[in-house]
Every structure is written in C-alpha cells, then in structure tokens.
C-alpha cells in the first residue's frame, strides 16, 4: 500500500467534503472514493501504461530469450528449494 500526503486549499476541501457528505463520507473517505472512481474509469478504457526499460534490462531480457531458445533454462517448480540450492 502506498500512503500519500497532500495539501488542499480550503475551497478544495470544502468542495470534496460537500460532495462526500451526500454519501455520508468524511474527507479522507471521499478522496479515496474519487481516486478509486478515476482508477476504475482508467481501467475501463483499457489503457495500459508503457514504461521504457533501460538498455541494460533490455540486453538481459534478450540474452534470457536466447538462452531459453537454446534450451539452457530449467523449470522451477519450488522456488524455495531452488534458491536454497544456490
């Protein structure tokens, strides 16, 4: 969970408090509600953020694909067991 601290003007706080009061929400709950609705709308659009990877990460990923194609990889069924043997 990520915690966020933000500052609101008196007017913003009053508007949000007024909006939330119709649902019986206090200010923090109203803010969470507004954010959850915005997140829900974002997900409904099917928009997926794309993040650029570093050159180093790209090189490691391409190397891993080559190793997989060459049959140099192994299937890990129990991660704890696998890492305890390293």
N, C-alpha and C. Protein backbone atom coordinates (compact mmCIF):
# COMPACT_ATOMS: atom_id res chain seq x y z
N UNK A 1 0.85 -1.17 0.00
CA UNK A 1 0.00 0.00 0.00
C UNK A 1 0.90 1.23 0.00
N UNK A 2 0.52 2.22 -0.76
CA UNK A 2 1.25 3.47 -0.83
C UNK A 2 0.47 4.54 -0.09
N UNK A 3 1.14 5.24 0.79
CA UNK A 3 0.50 6.34 1.50
C UNK A 3 0.86 7.64 0.81
N UNK A 4 -0.12 8.53 0.73
CA UNK A 4 0.06 9.82 0.06
C UNK A 4 -0.38 10.92 1.01
N UNK A 5 0.44 11.95 1.08
CA UNK A 5 0.08 13.12 1.86
C UNK A 5 -0.10 14.27 0.88
N UNK A 6 -1.22 14.96 0.96
CA UNK A 6 -1.44 16.06 0.05
C UNK A 6 -2.04 17.25 0.77
N UNK A 7 -1.84 18.39 0.16
CA UNK A 7 -2.38 19.63 0.72
C UNK A 7 -3.51 20.11 -0.18
N UNK A 8 -4.61 20.48 0.45
CA UNK A 8 -5.76 21.02 -0.28
C UNK A 8 -6.00 22.45 0.16
N UNK A 9 -6.47 23.26 -0.77
CA UNK A 9 -6.90 24.59 -0.38
C UNK A 9 -8.18 24.45 0.43
N UNK A 10 -8.54 25.49 1.15
CA UNK A 10 -9.78 25.45 1.92
C UNK A 10 -10.98 25.22 1.00
N UNK A 11 -10.92 25.80 -0.20
CA UNK A 11 -12.01 25.65 -1.16
C UNK A 11 -12.10 24.20 -1.65
N UNK A 12 -10.96 23.61 -1.97
CA UNK A 12 -10.96 22.21 -2.43
C UNK A 12 -11.49 21.28 -1.36
N UNK A 13 -11.04 21.49 -0.13
CA UNK A 13 -11.51 20.66 0.98
C UNK A 13 -13.01 20.82 1.18
N UNK A 14 -13.50 22.04 1.06
CA UNK A 14 -14.94 22.29 1.23
C UNK A 14 -15.74 21.61 0.14
N UNK A 15 -15.26 21.69 -1.10
CA UNK A 15 -15.97 21.06 -2.22
C UNK A 15 -16.01 19.55 -2.04
N UNK A 16 -14.86 18.96 -1.71
CA UNK A 16 -14.82 17.50 -1.53
C UNK A 16 -15.66 17.07 -0.33
N UNK A 17 -15.59 17.83 0.76
CA UNK A 17 -16.40 17.50 1.94
C UNK A 17 -17.89 17.56 1.61
N UNK A 18 -18.27 18.57 0.86
CA UNK A 18 -19.67 18.72 0.48
C UNK A 18 -20.11 17.56 -0.41
N UNK A 19 -19.25 17.20 -1.36
CA UNK A 19 -19.57 16.07 -2.25
C UNK A 19 -19.70 14.78 -1.45
N UNK A 20 -18.77 14.53 -0.55
CA UNK A 20 -18.79 13.30 0.24
C UNK A 20 -19.92 13.23 1.23
N UNK A 21 -20.37 14.38 1.70
CA UNK A 21 -21.43 14.38 2.72
C UNK A 21 -22.73 13.78 2.20
N UNK A 22 -22.95 13.84 0.88
CA UNK A 22 -24.18 13.25 0.33
C UNK A 22 -24.16 11.73 0.42
N UNK A 23 -22.96 11.15 0.60
CA UNK A 23 -22.83 9.69 0.77
C UNK A 23 -22.56 9.33 2.23
N UNK A 24 -22.43 10.35 3.08
CA UNK A 24 -22.10 10.12 4.48
C UNK A 24 -20.61 9.87 4.68
N UNK A 25 -19.78 10.36 3.75
CA UNK A 25 -18.34 10.14 3.82
C UNK A 25 -17.66 11.34 4.47
N UNK A 26 -16.57 11.05 5.21
CA UNK A 26 -15.72 12.13 5.69
C UNK A 26 -14.72 12.47 4.57
N UNK A 27 -13.88 13.46 4.78
CA UNK A 27 -12.98 13.93 3.72
C UNK A 27 -12.02 12.85 3.23
N UNK A 28 -11.30 12.12 4.11
CA UNK A 28 -10.39 11.09 3.60
C UNK A 28 -11.11 10.00 2.79
N UNK A 29 -12.27 9.59 3.26
CA UNK A 29 -13.02 8.55 2.53
C UNK A 29 -13.49 9.08 1.18
N UNK A 30 -13.88 10.35 1.13
CA UNK A 30 -14.29 10.96 -0.13
C UNK A 30 -13.14 10.97 -1.13
N UNK A 31 -11.96 11.35 -0.66
CA UNK A 31 -10.79 11.38 -1.54
C UNK A 31 -10.48 9.99 -2.06
N UNK A 32 -10.52 8.98 -1.19
CA UNK A 32 -10.29 7.59 -1.65
C UNK A 32 -11.33 7.19 -2.69
N UNK A 33 -12.60 7.59 -2.46
CA UNK A 33 -13.67 7.28 -3.39
C UNK A 33 -13.41 7.90 -4.76
N UNK A 34 -13.04 9.17 -4.77
CA UNK A 34 -12.78 9.87 -6.04
C UNK A 34 -11.62 9.21 -6.78
N UNK A 35 -10.57 8.87 -6.06
CA UNK A 35 -9.42 8.22 -6.69
C UNK A 35 -9.80 6.84 -7.22
N UNK A 36 -10.57 6.08 -6.46
CA UNK A 36 -10.96 4.75 -6.93
C UNK A 36 -11.83 4.84 -8.18
N UNK A 37 -12.72 5.83 -8.24
CA UNK A 37 -13.55 6.01 -9.44
C UNK A 37 -12.70 6.40 -10.64
N UNK A 38 -11.72 7.27 -10.44
CA UNK A 38 -10.82 7.67 -11.54
C UNK A 38 -10.01 6.46 -12.01
N UNK A 39 -9.55 5.64 -11.08
CA UNK A 39 -8.79 4.44 -11.44
C UNK A 39 -9.67 3.45 -12.20
N UNK A 40 -10.90 3.30 -11.76
CA UNK A 40 -11.85 2.41 -12.42
C UNK A 40 -12.10 2.87 -13.86
N UNK A 41 -12.30 4.15 -14.06
CA UNK A 41 -12.51 4.69 -15.41
C UNK A 41 -11.29 4.44 -16.29
N UNK A 42 -10.11 4.63 -15.72
CA UNK A 42 -8.86 4.41 -16.45
C UNK A 42 -8.76 2.95 -16.91
N UNK A 43 -9.11 2.02 -16.02
CA UNK A 43 -9.04 0.60 -16.36
C UNK A 43 -10.09 0.21 -17.40
N UNK A 44 -11.28 0.82 -17.33
CA UNK A 44 -12.34 0.53 -18.29
C UNK A 44 -11.93 0.94 -19.71
N UNK A 45 -11.12 1.99 -19.81
CA UNK A 45 -10.65 2.43 -21.13
C UNK A 45 -9.68 1.43 -21.74
N UNK A 46 -9.17 0.54 -20.92
CA UNK A 46 -8.21 -0.45 -21.41
C UNK A 46 -6.84 0.14 -21.68
N UNK A 47 -6.59 1.29 -21.10
CA UNK A 47 -5.31 1.95 -21.29
C UNK A 47 -4.28 1.30 -20.38
N UNK A 48 -3.21 0.84 -20.96
CA UNK A 48 -2.14 0.23 -20.19
C UNK A 48 -0.91 1.11 -20.32
N UNK A 49 -0.35 1.54 -19.19
CA UNK A 49 0.84 2.38 -19.29
C UNK A 49 2.03 1.58 -19.84
N UNK A 50 2.85 2.25 -20.60
CA UNK A 50 4.05 1.62 -21.16
C UNK A 50 5.25 2.32 -20.57
N UNK A 51 6.16 1.54 -20.02
CA UNK A 51 7.35 2.09 -19.40
C UNK A 51 8.58 1.65 -20.20
N UNK A 52 9.44 2.60 -20.51
CA UNK A 52 10.67 2.29 -21.22
C UNK A 52 11.61 1.57 -20.27
N UNK A 53 12.23 0.50 -20.75
CA UNK A 53 13.20 -0.20 -19.92
C UNK A 53 14.59 0.33 -20.25
N UNK A 54 15.49 0.14 -19.30
CA UNK A 54 16.86 0.59 -19.50
C UNK A 54 17.53 -0.31 -20.54
N UNK A 55 18.59 0.19 -21.12
CA UNK A 55 19.35 -0.58 -22.12
C UNK A 55 19.87 -1.87 -21.49
N UNK A 56 20.34 -1.79 -20.25
CA UNK A 56 20.87 -2.96 -19.55
C UNK A 56 19.78 -4.03 -19.37
N UNK A 57 18.58 -3.60 -18.97
CA UNK A 57 17.47 -4.55 -18.78
C UNK A 57 17.07 -5.18 -20.11
N UNK A 58 17.05 -4.38 -21.17
CA UNK A 58 16.73 -4.91 -22.49
C UNK A 58 17.75 -5.96 -22.93
N UNK A 59 19.02 -5.69 -22.71
CA UNK A 59 20.08 -6.64 -23.07
C UNK A 59 19.94 -7.94 -22.29
N UNK A 60 19.64 -7.83 -20.98
CA UNK A 60 19.46 -9.04 -20.15
C UNK A 60 18.25 -9.84 -20.63
N UNK A 61 17.17 -9.16 -20.98
CA UNK A 61 15.98 -9.85 -21.47
C UNK A 61 16.24 -10.57 -22.78
N UNK A 62 16.94 -9.92 -23.71
CA UNK A 62 17.27 -10.56 -24.99
C UNK A 62 18.19 -11.76 -24.78
N UNK A 63 19.14 -11.61 -23.84
CA UNK A 63 20.04 -12.72 -23.51
C UNK A 63 19.25 -13.90 -22.95
N UNK A 64 18.28 -13.61 -22.07
CA UNK A 64 17.45 -14.66 -21.48
C UNK A 64 16.63 -15.37 -22.56
N UNK A 65 16.10 -14.62 -23.53
CA UNK A 65 15.34 -15.25 -24.61
C UNK A 65 16.22 -16.18 -25.45
N UNK A 66 17.45 -15.76 -25.69
CA UNK A 66 18.38 -16.61 -26.45
C UNK A 66 18.68 -17.90 -25.68
N UNK A 67 18.92 -17.76 -24.37
CA UNK A 67 19.19 -18.94 -23.55
C UNK A 67 17.98 -19.87 -23.52
N UNK A 68 16.80 -19.31 -23.44
CA UNK A 68 15.58 -20.13 -23.45
C UNK A 68 15.46 -20.87 -24.78
N UNK A 69 15.70 -20.17 -25.87
CA UNK A 69 15.63 -20.79 -27.20
C UNK A 69 16.66 -21.88 -27.39
N UNK A 70 17.82 -21.73 -26.72
CA UNK A 70 18.89 -22.72 -26.83
C UNK A 70 18.71 -23.87 -25.85
N UNK A 71 17.65 -23.83 -25.05
CA UNK A 71 17.39 -24.92 -24.10
C UNK A 71 18.27 -24.88 -22.86
N UNK A 72 18.80 -23.73 -22.53
CA UNK A 72 19.69 -23.60 -21.37
C UNK A 72 18.94 -23.29 -20.07
N UNK A 73 17.64 -23.18 -20.14
CA UNK A 73 16.86 -22.84 -18.95
C UNK A 73 16.27 -24.10 -18.32
N UNK A 74 15.90 -23.98 -17.04
CA UNK A 74 15.27 -25.09 -16.33
C UNK A 74 13.96 -24.61 -15.72
N UNK A 75 13.00 -25.50 -15.61
CA UNK A 75 11.73 -25.16 -14.99
C UNK A 75 11.88 -25.23 -13.48
N UNK A 76 11.42 -24.20 -12.78
CA UNK A 76 11.48 -24.15 -11.33
C UNK A 76 10.08 -24.40 -10.79
N UNK A 77 9.91 -25.51 -10.08
CA UNK A 77 8.59 -25.84 -9.53
C UNK A 77 8.47 -25.40 -8.08
N UNK A 78 9.59 -25.37 -7.35
CA UNK A 78 9.59 -24.95 -5.95
C UNK A 78 10.69 -23.92 -5.77
N UNK A 79 10.30 -22.64 -5.70
CA UNK A 79 11.28 -21.55 -5.64
C UNK A 79 12.16 -21.63 -4.39
N UNK A 80 11.58 -21.97 -3.23
CA UNK A 80 12.37 -22.06 -2.00
C UNK A 80 13.46 -23.11 -2.13
N UNK A 81 13.09 -24.26 -2.66
CA UNK A 81 14.06 -25.34 -2.85
C UNK A 81 15.13 -24.92 -3.83
N UNK A 82 14.73 -24.31 -4.93
CA UNK A 82 15.69 -23.89 -5.97
C UNK A 82 16.72 -22.92 -5.40
N UNK A 83 16.25 -21.89 -4.68
CA UNK A 83 17.17 -20.88 -4.17
C UNK A 83 18.00 -21.39 -3.01
N UNK A 84 17.51 -22.36 -2.27
CA UNK A 84 18.31 -22.91 -1.17
C UNK A 84 19.50 -23.71 -1.69
N UNK A 85 19.41 -24.18 -2.92
CA UNK A 85 20.50 -24.96 -3.52
C UNK A 85 21.55 -24.10 -4.19
N UNK A 86 21.30 -22.80 -4.33
CA UNK A 86 22.26 -21.92 -4.99
C UNK A 86 23.45 -21.63 -4.11
